[in-house]
Protein backbone atom coordinates (compact mmCIF):
# COMPACT_ATOMS: atom_id res chain seq x y z
CA MET A 1 -26.65 -58.69 -44.43
CA ILE A 2 -30.08 -59.91 -45.51
CA THR A 3 -29.89 -62.93 -47.78
CA PRO A 4 -32.71 -64.32 -49.94
CA GLU A 5 -33.05 -67.30 -47.59
CA ALA A 6 -33.22 -65.09 -44.49
CA SER A 7 -35.45 -62.31 -45.83
CA PRO A 8 -38.44 -61.69 -43.57
CA PRO A 9 -41.94 -61.41 -45.02
CA ALA A 10 -42.75 -57.87 -46.08
CA SER A 11 -45.39 -56.08 -44.06
CA PRO A 12 -48.48 -54.69 -45.80
CA ALA A 13 -47.09 -51.16 -45.48
CA SER A 14 -43.75 -52.10 -47.03
CA PRO A 15 -42.98 -50.97 -50.60
CA ALA A 16 -41.67 -54.49 -51.19
CA SER A 17 -44.95 -56.18 -50.25
CA ALA A 18 -45.17 -57.76 -53.70
CA VAL A 19 -42.34 -60.12 -52.73
CA SER A 20 -43.71 -63.14 -50.90
CA PRO A 21 -41.74 -65.27 -48.42
CA ALA A 22 -42.21 -68.29 -50.64
CA SER A 23 -40.77 -66.59 -53.68
CA SER A 24 -37.77 -65.37 -51.67
CA ALA A 25 -36.85 -68.95 -50.77
CA THR A 26 -37.24 -70.38 -54.26
CA SER A 27 -34.13 -72.04 -55.64
CA VAL A 28 -31.75 -70.11 -57.88
CA GLY A 29 -32.59 -72.09 -60.98
CA GLN A 30 -36.25 -70.98 -60.96
CA THR A 31 -37.87 -67.71 -61.90
CA THR A 32 -38.20 -65.95 -58.57
CA ALA A 33 -38.99 -62.61 -57.05
CA VAL A 34 -36.22 -60.37 -55.77
CA PRO A 35 -35.56 -60.60 -52.00
CA THR A 36 -36.59 -57.75 -49.76
CA SER A 37 -33.53 -55.63 -49.01
CA PRO A 38 -32.93 -52.31 -47.24
CA PHE A 39 -30.78 -50.89 -50.00
CA LEU A 40 -33.11 -52.22 -52.69
CA THR A 41 -36.13 -50.49 -51.16
CA ALA A 42 -34.31 -47.30 -50.13
CA ALA A 43 -31.90 -46.67 -53.00
CA ALA A 44 -34.48 -45.70 -55.63
CA GLY A 45 -34.95 -41.96 -55.50
CA ALA A 46 -31.65 -41.40 -53.68
CA LEU A 47 -30.07 -40.41 -57.01
CA PRO A 48 -31.35 -37.84 -59.53
CA SER A 49 -31.79 -40.32 -62.37
CA ARG A 50 -34.32 -43.09 -61.74
CA THR A 51 -32.53 -45.49 -64.06
CA VAL A 52 -29.17 -44.80 -62.40
CA ALA A 53 -30.77 -45.30 -58.99
CA VAL A 54 -32.20 -48.65 -60.07
CA LEU A 55 -28.89 -49.65 -61.63
CA GLU A 56 -26.91 -48.84 -58.47
CA ALA A 57 -29.43 -50.65 -56.26
CA ILE A 58 -29.25 -53.84 -58.33
CA LYS A 59 -25.47 -53.60 -58.60
CA HIS A 60 -25.12 -53.24 -54.83
CA ALA A 61 -27.39 -56.23 -54.25
CA ILE A 62 -25.31 -58.34 -56.65
CA LEU A 63 -21.98 -57.37 -55.09
CA ALA A 64 -23.33 -57.86 -51.56
CA GLY A 65 -24.46 -61.38 -52.47
CA GLU A 66 -28.17 -60.74 -51.94
CA LEU A 67 -28.78 -61.43 -55.63
CA LYS A 68 -26.67 -64.54 -56.01
CA PRO A 69 -24.90 -65.76 -59.17
CA GLY A 70 -27.32 -67.56 -61.47
CA ARG A 71 -30.39 -65.87 -59.99
CA PRO A 72 -32.97 -64.74 -62.58
CA LEU A 73 -33.67 -61.00 -62.60
CA VAL A 74 -37.33 -60.62 -63.48
CA GLU A 75 -38.21 -57.08 -64.56
CA THR A 76 -41.67 -57.14 -62.97
CA ASP A 77 -40.34 -58.35 -59.61
CA LEU A 78 -37.52 -55.79 -59.54
CA ALA A 79 -39.93 -53.02 -60.50
CA ASN A 80 -42.29 -54.00 -57.66
CA VAL A 81 -39.49 -54.10 -55.08
CA LEU A 82 -38.06 -50.75 -56.17
CA GLY A 83 -41.41 -49.06 -56.69
CA VAL A 84 -40.72 -48.09 -60.30
CA SER A 85 -41.98 -49.04 -63.74
CA LYS A 86 -40.32 -51.79 -65.78
CA THR A 87 -38.66 -49.28 -68.14
CA PRO A 88 -35.82 -48.11 -65.82
CA VAL A 89 -35.32 -51.70 -64.69
CA ARG A 90 -34.98 -52.87 -68.29
CA GLU A 91 -32.47 -50.12 -69.07
CA ALA A 92 -30.51 -50.83 -65.89
CA LEU A 93 -30.27 -54.54 -66.72
CA LYS A 94 -28.99 -53.75 -70.20
CA THR A 95 -26.29 -51.52 -68.71
CA LEU A 96 -25.34 -54.15 -66.13
CA ALA A 97 -25.11 -56.74 -68.91
CA GLY A 98 -22.73 -54.46 -70.78
CA ALA A 99 -20.66 -54.09 -67.60
CA GLY A 100 -20.42 -57.86 -67.18
CA LEU A 101 -22.50 -58.23 -64.01
CA VAL A 102 -25.57 -59.69 -65.73
CA THR A 103 -26.00 -62.10 -68.61
CA MET A 104 -29.00 -61.92 -70.93
CA SER A 105 -30.43 -64.52 -73.30
CA PRO A 106 -33.67 -64.76 -75.31
CA TYR A 107 -34.61 -67.93 -73.39
CA ARG A 108 -33.64 -67.27 -69.76
CA GLY A 109 -33.82 -63.48 -69.76
CA ALA A 110 -31.52 -61.57 -67.39
CA VAL A 111 -29.52 -63.57 -64.85
CA VAL A 112 -26.86 -62.57 -62.32
CA ARG A 113 -23.57 -63.53 -63.90
CA VAL A 114 -21.85 -66.68 -62.64
CA VAL A 115 -18.11 -66.05 -62.38
CA ASN A 116 -16.04 -69.21 -62.72
CA ASP A 117 -12.29 -69.41 -62.24
CA GLU A 118 -11.56 -69.11 -65.95
CA ALA A 119 -13.66 -65.95 -66.34
CA ALA A 120 -12.04 -64.40 -63.27
CA ARG A 121 -8.59 -65.11 -64.59
CA HIS A 122 -9.46 -63.56 -67.94
CA VAL A 123 -10.52 -60.33 -66.22
CA TYR A 124 -7.34 -60.13 -64.19
CA ASP A 125 -5.16 -61.16 -67.12
CA ALA A 126 -6.51 -58.21 -69.12
CA ARG A 127 -5.86 -55.86 -66.20
CA LEU A 128 -2.35 -57.21 -65.77
CA LEU A 129 -1.54 -56.33 -69.37
CA ILE A 130 -2.85 -52.76 -69.19
CA GLU A 131 -3.18 -51.31 -65.69
CA PRO A 132 0.47 -51.28 -64.48
CA GLU A 133 1.55 -49.39 -67.60
CA ALA A 134 -1.31 -46.92 -67.19
CA LEU A 135 -0.23 -46.32 -63.58
CA ARG A 136 3.41 -45.87 -64.62
CA ARG A 137 2.34 -43.16 -67.07
CA ALA A 138 0.11 -41.48 -64.48
CA VAL A 139 2.99 -41.31 -61.99
CA SER A 140 5.33 -39.93 -64.64
CA ALA A 141 2.75 -37.26 -65.50
CA GLY A 142 2.47 -36.09 -61.87
CA HIS A 143 -1.06 -37.18 -60.98
CA ASP A 144 -2.97 -35.94 -57.88
CA TRP A 145 -3.26 -38.89 -55.48
CA GLN A 146 -5.60 -37.41 -52.87
CA PRO A 147 -8.73 -39.02 -54.40
CA ALA A 148 -6.94 -42.38 -54.17
CA HIS A 149 -6.42 -41.78 -50.44
CA ALA A 150 -10.13 -40.98 -50.09
CA ALA A 151 -11.07 -44.25 -51.85
CA LEU A 152 -8.78 -46.22 -49.50
CA ALA A 153 -10.45 -44.57 -46.50
CA ARG A 154 -13.90 -45.54 -47.82
CA ALA A 155 -12.76 -49.13 -48.30
CA ARG A 156 -11.43 -49.25 -44.74
CA LYS A 157 -14.74 -47.97 -43.31
CA ALA A 158 -16.96 -50.06 -45.61
CA ARG A 159 -19.98 -51.68 -43.94
CA ASP A 160 -20.17 -54.65 -46.29
CA GLN A 161 -18.44 -56.42 -49.14
CA ALA A 162 -20.28 -54.42 -51.78
CA GLU A 163 -19.15 -51.06 -50.38
CA ARG A 164 -15.57 -52.29 -49.97
CA SER A 165 -15.47 -53.72 -53.48
CA LEU A 166 -16.83 -50.52 -55.03
CA ALA A 167 -14.38 -48.38 -53.05
CA ASN A 168 -11.50 -50.57 -54.23
CA ARG A 169 -12.79 -50.18 -57.78
CA ASP A 170 -12.64 -46.39 -57.37
CA PHE A 171 -9.13 -46.63 -55.91
CA HIS A 172 -7.85 -48.50 -58.94
CA ARG A 173 -9.44 -45.97 -61.26
CA GLU A 174 -7.54 -43.20 -59.48
CA LEU A 175 -4.34 -45.12 -60.20
CA TYR A 176 -4.80 -45.17 -63.96
CA GLN A 177 -7.01 -42.22 -64.89
CA GLY A 178 -4.02 -39.84 -65.06
CA CYS A 179 -2.27 -41.94 -67.72
CA GLY A 180 -3.13 -39.48 -70.50
CA ASN A 181 -4.63 -42.08 -72.86
CA PRO A 182 -8.45 -42.09 -72.96
CA LEU A 183 -8.52 -45.45 -74.74
CA LEU A 184 -6.59 -47.12 -71.92
CA ILE A 185 -8.89 -45.50 -69.38
CA SER A 186 -11.99 -46.69 -71.27
CA MET A 187 -10.67 -50.25 -71.51
CA LEU A 188 -9.92 -50.40 -67.80
CA ASP A 189 -13.25 -48.76 -66.94
CA ASP A 190 -14.99 -51.57 -68.82
CA LEU A 191 -13.34 -54.09 -66.48
CA ARG A 192 -14.13 -52.30 -63.21
CA ASP A 193 -17.52 -53.86 -62.44
CA GLN A 194 -16.35 -57.35 -63.39
CA THR A 195 -13.36 -56.89 -61.09
CA ALA A 196 -15.69 -55.86 -58.27
CA LEU A 197 -17.86 -58.94 -58.89
CA VAL A 198 -14.83 -61.27 -58.83
CA SER A 199 -13.34 -59.76 -55.67
CA ALA A 200 -16.65 -59.78 -53.79
CA ALA A 201 -17.21 -63.43 -54.75
CA ALA A 202 -13.69 -64.34 -53.63
CA TRP A 203 -14.13 -62.66 -50.23
CA ARG A 204 -17.44 -64.48 -49.66
CA HIS A 205 -15.84 -67.88 -50.26
CA GLU A 206 -12.84 -67.43 -47.98
CA PRO A 207 -12.52 -70.03 -45.19
CA ASP A 208 -13.33 -68.79 -41.68
CA TRP A 209 -10.00 -69.98 -40.27
CA LEU A 210 -7.90 -67.39 -42.13
CA GLU A 211 -6.12 -65.15 -39.59
CA VAL A 212 -5.86 -62.27 -42.06
CA PRO A 213 -8.70 -61.86 -44.60
CA SER A 214 -7.77 -61.47 -48.25
CA TRP A 215 -9.11 -57.92 -48.35
CA GLU A 216 -6.65 -56.88 -45.63
CA HIS A 217 -3.77 -58.23 -47.71
CA GLU A 218 -5.09 -56.21 -50.63
CA ALA A 219 -5.43 -53.06 -48.52
CA ALA A 220 -1.78 -53.30 -47.47
CA GLU A 221 -0.75 -53.78 -51.09
CA HIS A 222 -2.88 -50.78 -52.10
CA ARG A 223 -1.08 -48.60 -49.56
CA ALA A 224 2.33 -49.73 -50.84
CA VAL A 225 1.37 -48.97 -54.45
CA LEU A 226 0.06 -45.54 -53.51
CA LEU A 227 3.18 -44.72 -51.48
CA ALA A 228 5.42 -45.53 -54.45
CA ALA A 229 3.20 -43.43 -56.72
CA GLU A 230 3.38 -40.47 -54.34
CA ASP A 231 7.16 -40.82 -54.19
CA GLY A 232 7.21 -40.45 -57.97
CA ASP A 233 8.74 -43.91 -58.49
CA ALA A 234 6.79 -44.91 -61.58
CA ASP A 235 8.55 -48.21 -62.20
CA ARG A 236 8.25 -49.39 -58.60
CA ALA A 237 4.57 -48.40 -58.46
CA ALA A 238 3.91 -50.36 -61.66
CA ASP A 239 5.83 -53.39 -60.35
CA LEU A 240 3.94 -53.34 -57.04
CA LEU A 241 0.61 -53.10 -58.86
CA ARG A 242 1.59 -55.99 -61.12
CA GLY A 243 2.43 -58.07 -58.06
CA HIS A 244 -0.82 -57.03 -56.38
CA ILE A 245 -2.95 -58.19 -59.31
CA THR A 246 -1.01 -61.44 -59.66
CA SER A 247 -1.10 -62.28 -55.94
CA PHE A 248 -4.89 -61.84 -55.78
CA VAL A 249 -5.35 -64.45 -58.50
CA GLU A 250 -2.83 -66.83 -56.94
CA ARG A 251 -4.56 -66.57 -53.54
CA ASN A 252 -8.11 -66.94 -54.77
CA PHE A 253 -7.86 -68.92 -58.03
CA PRO A 254 -4.77 -71.09 -57.49
CA VAL A 255 -5.08 -73.31 -60.55
CA GLY A 256 -1.76 -71.94 -61.80
CA PRO A 257 -0.01 -68.59 -62.28
CA LEU A 258 -1.18 -66.09 -64.85
CA PRO A 259 0.69 -66.33 -68.15
CA GLN A 260 2.50 -63.02 -67.50
CA ALA A 261 3.65 -64.18 -64.08
CA ARG A 262 4.91 -67.59 -65.21
CA THR A 263 8.63 -68.09 -65.43
CA GLN A 264 9.51 -69.06 -68.95
CA GLU A 265 11.39 -72.36 -69.01
CA PRO A 266 13.20 -73.53 -72.15
CA GLN A 267 11.39 -76.54 -73.49
CA GLU A 268 13.26 -79.57 -74.72
CA THR A 269 12.54 -80.61 -78.24
CA GLN A 270 11.68 -84.26 -78.43
CA GLU A 271 12.25 -86.44 -81.41
CA PRO A 272 9.04 -87.67 -83.07
């Protein structure tokens, strides 16, 4: 993976020649050019819509950690790297802001979103309230689970964190999209990119000494959820998914259990 600090100088023939080595090494807090990246320079034009191509390229760079949290996203620099005008870049940044991957302000402009523990827990708390019930309804309705198998296979063969995170995002969508309620689907869709950002950030910050990476734990839990869904056991599938979401937070953001996972203890009333 090419990181901003390790990006080599672009050659004169490169489409990213506008990005200088000095600007690639500038600190996160400063306005800086976008680092040279294979998927940044190759992704534009790979999709039919230029704006969608730009959006996917920037999203991949964010989830892969090449555009790090807090890094300014300057329209001119992104346009030069991708070989497009500023218009598709501007539209892509607006969409990414709506998806929760980018923050925008009148003073700082667009910046890669910084995900702290509290924000991560809010995302997963919302999912915990909605997603298991959506899965239970999808199982009860007799959903087709083959696309979920395909998403698991893509996650297993992923070349980097971004690909794995996006494949996992697609897997979870296959769990809930058969629930029969378009409002539930829309609400969960709105959380998908933020979930991918949180999971990719968590994987990057795992200690090297772990014998089993977090994503392997999650893959095993995914398989168990899918098996229960295929067996038609709606309640077990929902319970396994609830445990999967809760365990991710407890492994990666262990400040305390989510409210829904906390055992309710009767509180003693004290005299004033």
